[in-house]
């Protein structure tokens, strides 16, 4: 973990990030997963080359763990459903930065986090912890 969640969301606990698949760019096989989210809420993943720490950005109740040119995987918004989790297969050849899609290069370390809606007690948003993956 590169950025620790210290406050609970409306599920009663913190949400956490994980990744499965391969860190090899040539494999293009990376699935991001977030769990411990509140049920039936929408969320998506964000990523950046730059780690950081921004508490409560934009009125959120969580901590943003990335800075700089941020990728938003908002074409893969998902609902957490009854299990309180979301997953997304990431195309590492087309990371959706604000400046346009880029491919991850071997040797780069990318930082990932999930951002989701929360009701705690009124409408807000929250974050998982962050993970860093160094690609081969």
C-alpha atoms as a PDB file:
ATOM      1  CA  UNK A   1       0.000   0.000   0.000  1.00  0.00           C
ATOM      2  CA  UNK A   2       1.315   3.407  -0.880  1.00  0.00           C
ATOM      3  CA  UNK A   3      -1.437   5.493   0.723  1.00  0.00           C
ATOM      4  CA  UNK A   4      -3.347   4.234   3.723  1.00  0.00           C
ATOM      5  CA  UNK A   5      -7.053   4.722   4.246  1.00  0.00           C
ATOM      6  CA  UNK A   6      -7.659   5.942   7.756  1.00  0.00           C
ATOM      7  CA  UNK A   7     -11.385   6.644   7.722  1.00  0.00           C
ATOM      8  CA  UNK A   8     -14.252   4.257   7.203  1.00  0.00           C
ATOM      9  CA  UNK A   9     -16.850   4.619   4.474  1.00  0.00           C
ATOM     10  CA  UNK A  10     -20.554   4.041   5.036  1.00  0.00           C
ATOM     11  CA  UNK A  11     -19.999   0.250   4.948  1.00  0.00           C
ATOM     12  CA  UNK A  12     -18.386   0.655   8.381  1.00  0.00           C
ATOM     13  CA  UNK A  13     -14.832  -0.093   7.264  1.00  0.00           C
ATOM     14  CA  UNK A  14     -12.234   1.106   4.768  1.00  0.00           C
ATOM     15  CA  UNK A  15     -12.229   0.056   1.111  1.00  0.00           C
ATOM     16  CA  UNK A  16      -9.125  -1.606  -0.314  1.00  0.00           C
ATOM     17  CA  UNK A  17      -7.468  -2.085  -3.705  1.00  0.00           C
ATOM     18  CA  UNK A  18      -5.843  -5.129  -5.244  1.00  0.00           C
ATOM     19  CA  UNK A  19      -4.678  -6.235  -8.673  1.00  0.00           C
ATOM     20  CA  UNK A  20      -4.491  -9.630 -10.330  1.00  0.00           C
ATOM     21  CA  UNK A  21      -2.948 -10.738 -13.596  1.00  0.00           C
ATOM     22  CA  UNK A  22       0.488  -9.816 -14.819  1.00  0.00           C
ATOM     23  CA  UNK A  23       2.875  -6.869 -14.399  1.00  0.00           C
ATOM     24  CA  UNK A  24       4.409  -7.692 -17.803  1.00  0.00           C
ATOM     25  CA  UNK A  25       3.506  -5.053 -20.384  1.00  0.00           C
ATOM     26  CA  UNK A  26       3.618  -7.688 -23.149  1.00  0.00           C
ATOM     27  CA  UNK A  27       0.890  -9.725 -21.414  1.00  0.00           C
ATOM     28  CA  UNK A  28      -1.606  -6.809 -21.229  1.00  0.00           C
ATOM     29  CA  UNK A  29      -3.428  -8.735 -18.493  1.00  0.00           C
ATOM     30  CA  UNK A  30      -4.210  -6.523 -15.498  1.00  0.00           C
ATOM     31  CA  UNK A  31      -7.459  -6.558 -13.516  1.00  0.00           C
ATOM     32  CA  UNK A  32      -7.982  -3.941 -10.812  1.00  0.00           C
ATOM     33  CA  UNK A  33     -10.314  -4.816  -7.938  1.00  0.00           C
ATOM     34  CA  UNK A  34     -11.799  -2.728  -5.117  1.00  0.00           C
ATOM     35  CA  UNK A  35     -13.671  -4.207  -2.178  1.00  0.00           C
ATOM     36  CA  UNK A  36     -15.103  -3.011   1.109  1.00  0.00           C
ATOM     37  CA  UNK A  37     -17.099  -0.349  -0.715  1.00  0.00           C
ATOM     38  CA  UNK A  38     -20.641   0.563   0.280  1.00  0.00           C
ATOM     39  CA  UNK A  39     -23.208  -1.573  -1.523  1.00  0.00           C
ATOM     40  CA  UNK A  40     -24.985  -0.453  -4.691  1.00  0.00           C
ATOM     41  CA  UNK A  41     -22.764   2.566  -5.329  1.00  0.00           C
ATOM     42  CA  UNK A  42     -20.921   3.558  -8.504  1.00  0.00           C
ATOM     43  CA  UNK A  43     -17.158   3.816  -8.714  1.00  0.00           C
ATOM     44  CA  UNK A  44     -14.221   3.707 -11.088  1.00  0.00           C
ATOM     45  CA  UNK A  45     -10.448   3.490 -11.037  1.00  0.00           C
ATOM     46  CA  UNK A  46      -7.935   6.315 -11.370  1.00  0.00           C
ATOM     47  CA  UNK A  47      -4.199   6.127 -12.027  1.00  0.00           C
ATOM     48  CA  UNK A  48      -1.096   8.284 -12.269  1.00  0.00           C
ATOM     49  CA  UNK A  49       2.667   8.038 -12.480  1.00  0.00           C
ATOM     50  CA  UNK A  50       2.837  10.406  -9.491  1.00  0.00           C
ATOM     51  CA  UNK A  51       2.117   9.415  -5.893  1.00  0.00           C
ATOM     52  CA  UNK A  52       0.745  11.988  -3.513  1.00  0.00           C
ATOM     53  CA  UNK A  53      -1.559  12.601  -0.618  1.00  0.00           C
ATOM     54  CA  UNK A  54      -4.563  14.931  -0.764  1.00  0.00           C
ATOM     55  CA  UNK A  55      -6.968  14.614   2.178  1.00  0.00           C
ATOM     56  CA  UNK A  56     -10.676  15.113   1.408  1.00  0.00           C
ATOM     57  CA  UNK A  57     -10.333  16.450  -2.171  1.00  0.00           C
ATOM     58  CA  UNK A  58     -13.429  18.293  -3.390  1.00  0.00           C
ATOM     59  CA  UNK A  59     -15.274  17.532  -0.185  1.00  0.00           C
ATOM     60  CA  UNK A  60     -14.661  13.800  -0.372  1.00  0.00           C
ATOM     61  CA  UNK A  61     -14.361  11.869   2.869  1.00  0.00           C
ATOM     62  CA  UNK A  62     -11.338   9.935   1.640  1.00  0.00           C
ATOM     63  CA  UNK A  63      -7.712  10.544   0.700  1.00  0.00           C
ATOM     64  CA  UNK A  64      -6.518  10.893  -2.882  1.00  0.00           C
ATOM     65  CA  UNK A  65      -3.205   9.021  -3.225  1.00  0.00           C
ATOM     66  CA  UNK A  66      -2.197  10.218  -6.698  1.00  0.00           C
ATOM     67  CA  UNK A  67      -1.287  13.576  -8.233  1.00  0.00           C
ATOM     68  CA  UNK A  68      -0.289  14.989 -11.581  1.00  0.00           C
ATOM     69  CA  UNK A  69      -1.687  13.895 -14.931  1.00  0.00           C
ATOM     70  CA  UNK A  70      -4.450  11.550 -13.761  1.00  0.00           C
ATOM     71  CA  UNK A  71      -6.013   8.764 -15.778  1.00  0.00           C
ATOM     72  CA  UNK A  72      -9.721   8.240 -15.175  1.00  0.00           C
ATOM     73  CA  UNK A  73     -11.162   4.902 -16.244  1.00  0.00           C
ATOM     74  CA  UNK A  74     -14.637   6.433 -16.407  1.00  0.00           C
ATOM     75  CA  UNK A  75     -15.627   4.350 -19.423  1.00  0.00           C
ATOM     76  CA  UNK A  76     -15.490   1.438 -16.957  1.00  0.00           C
ATOM     77  CA  UNK A  77     -17.736   2.853 -14.216  1.00  0.00           C
ATOM     78  CA  UNK A  78     -19.205  -0.064 -12.279  1.00  0.00           C
ATOM     79  CA  UNK A  79     -21.808  -0.584  -9.573  1.00  0.00           C
ATOM     80  CA  UNK A  80     -20.606  -2.218  -6.363  1.00  0.00           C
ATOM     81  CA  UNK A  81     -23.807  -4.282  -6.090  1.00  0.00           C
ATOM     82  CA  UNK A  82     -24.653  -6.370  -3.039  1.00  0.00           C
ATOM     83  CA  UNK A  83     -21.001  -7.400  -2.526  1.00  0.00           C
ATOM     84  CA  UNK A  84     -19.563  -3.883  -2.299  1.00  0.00           C
ATOM     85  CA  UNK A  85     -16.868  -4.446  -4.927  1.00  0.00           C
ATOM     86  CA  UNK A  86     -15.923  -3.461  -8.471  1.00  0.00           C
ATOM     87  CA  UNK A  87     -13.358  -4.789 -10.954  1.00  0.00           C
ATOM     88  CA  UNK A  88     -12.032  -3.636 -14.318  1.00  0.00           C
ATOM     89  CA  UNK A  89      -9.791  -5.197 -16.965  1.00  0.00           C
ATOM     90  CA  UNK A  90      -7.300  -2.457 -17.806  1.00  0.00           C
ATOM     91  CA  UNK A  91      -5.872  -2.022 -21.314  1.00  0.00           C
ATOM     92  CA  UNK A  92      -2.305  -1.130 -20.406  1.00  0.00           C
ATOM     93  CA  UNK A  93      -1.686  -0.045 -24.005  1.00  0.00           C
ATOM     94  CA  UNK A  94      -4.318   2.710 -23.676  1.00  0.00           C
ATOM     95  CA  UNK A  95      -4.293   4.317 -20.221  1.00  0.00           C
ATOM     96  CA  UNK A  96      -6.894   7.150 -20.422  1.00  0.00           C
ATOM     97  CA  UNK A  97      -4.892  10.209 -19.345  1.00  0.00           C
ATOM     98  CA  UNK A  98      -6.533  13.607 -19.641  1.00  0.00           C
ATOM     99  CA  UNK A  99      -4.110  14.411 -22.463  1.00  0.00           C
ATOM    100  CA  UNK A 100      -5.069  11.238 -24.375  1.00  0.00           C
ATOM    101  CA  UNK A 101      -4.427   7.508 -24.128  1.00  0.00           C
ATOM    102  CA  UNK A 102      -0.883   6.318 -23.452  1.00  0.00           C
ATOM    103  CA  UNK A 103       0.734   2.923 -23.186  1.00  0.00           C
ATOM    104  CA  UNK A 104       2.568   1.815 -20.073  1.00  0.00           C
ATOM    105  CA  UNK A 105       6.279   1.241 -20.704  1.00  0.00           C
ATOM    106  CA  UNK A 106       8.371  -1.452 -19.002  1.00  0.00           C
ATOM    107  CA  UNK A 107      10.102  -0.013 -15.941  1.00  0.00           C
ATOM    108  CA  UNK A 108       7.348   2.513 -15.181  1.00  0.00           C
ATOM    109  CA  UNK A 109       5.596   2.446 -11.819  1.00  0.00           C
ATOM    110  CA  UNK A 110       1.918   3.356 -11.985  1.00  0.00           C
ATOM    111  CA  UNK A 111      -0.253   4.131  -8.988  1.00  0.00           C
ATOM    112  CA  UNK A 112      -3.895   3.013  -8.891  1.00  0.00           C
ATOM    113  CA  UNK A 113      -6.870   3.815  -6.682  1.00  0.00           C
ATOM    114  CA  UNK A 114     -10.666   3.481  -6.817  1.00  0.00           C
ATOM    115  CA  UNK A 115     -12.982   6.465  -6.369  1.00  0.00           C
ATOM    116  CA  UNK A 116     -16.596   5.782  -5.446  1.00  0.00           C
ATOM    117  CA  UNK A 117     -19.845   7.383  -4.350  1.00  0.00           C
ATOM    118  CA  UNK A 118     -20.689   7.151  -0.695  1.00  0.00           C
ATOM    119  CA  UNK A 119     -23.490   8.224   1.635  1.00  0.00           C
ATOM    120  CA  UNK A 120     -21.886   9.055   4.955  1.00  0.00           C
ATOM    121  CA  UNK A 121     -24.518  10.259   5.931  1.00  0.00           C
ATOM    122  CA  UNK A 122     -25.177  12.580   2.973  1.00  0.00           C
ATOM    123  CA  UNK A 123     -23.961  12.209  -0.605  1.00  0.00           C
ATOM    124  CA  UNK A 124     -20.195  12.353  -0.876  1.00  0.00           C
ATOM    125  CA  UNK A 125     -17.379  10.299  -2.401  1.00  0.00           C
ATOM    126  CA  UNK A 126     -14.598   8.213  -0.950  1.00  0.00           C
ATOM    127  CA  UNK A 127     -11.473   6.293  -1.997  1.00  0.00           C
ATOM    128  CA  UNK A 128      -9.804   2.951  -1.498  1.00  0.00           C
ATOM    129  CA  UNK A 129      -6.194   2.760  -0.418  1.00  0.00           C
ATOM    130  CA  UNK A 130      -3.680   2.979  -3.248  1.00  0.00           C
ATOM    131  CA  UNK A 131      -1.417   0.434  -4.879  1.00  0.00           C
ATOM    132  CA  UNK A 132       1.743   0.889  -6.921  1.00  0.00           C
ATOM    133  CA  UNK A 133       2.696  -1.532  -9.713  1.00  0.00           C
ATOM    134  CA  UNK A 134       6.100  -1.519 -11.402  1.00  0.00           C
ATOM    135  CA  UNK A 135       5.682  -2.973 -14.875  1.00  0.00           C
ATOM    136  CA  UNK A 136       8.203  -5.262 -16.551  1.00  0.00           C
END
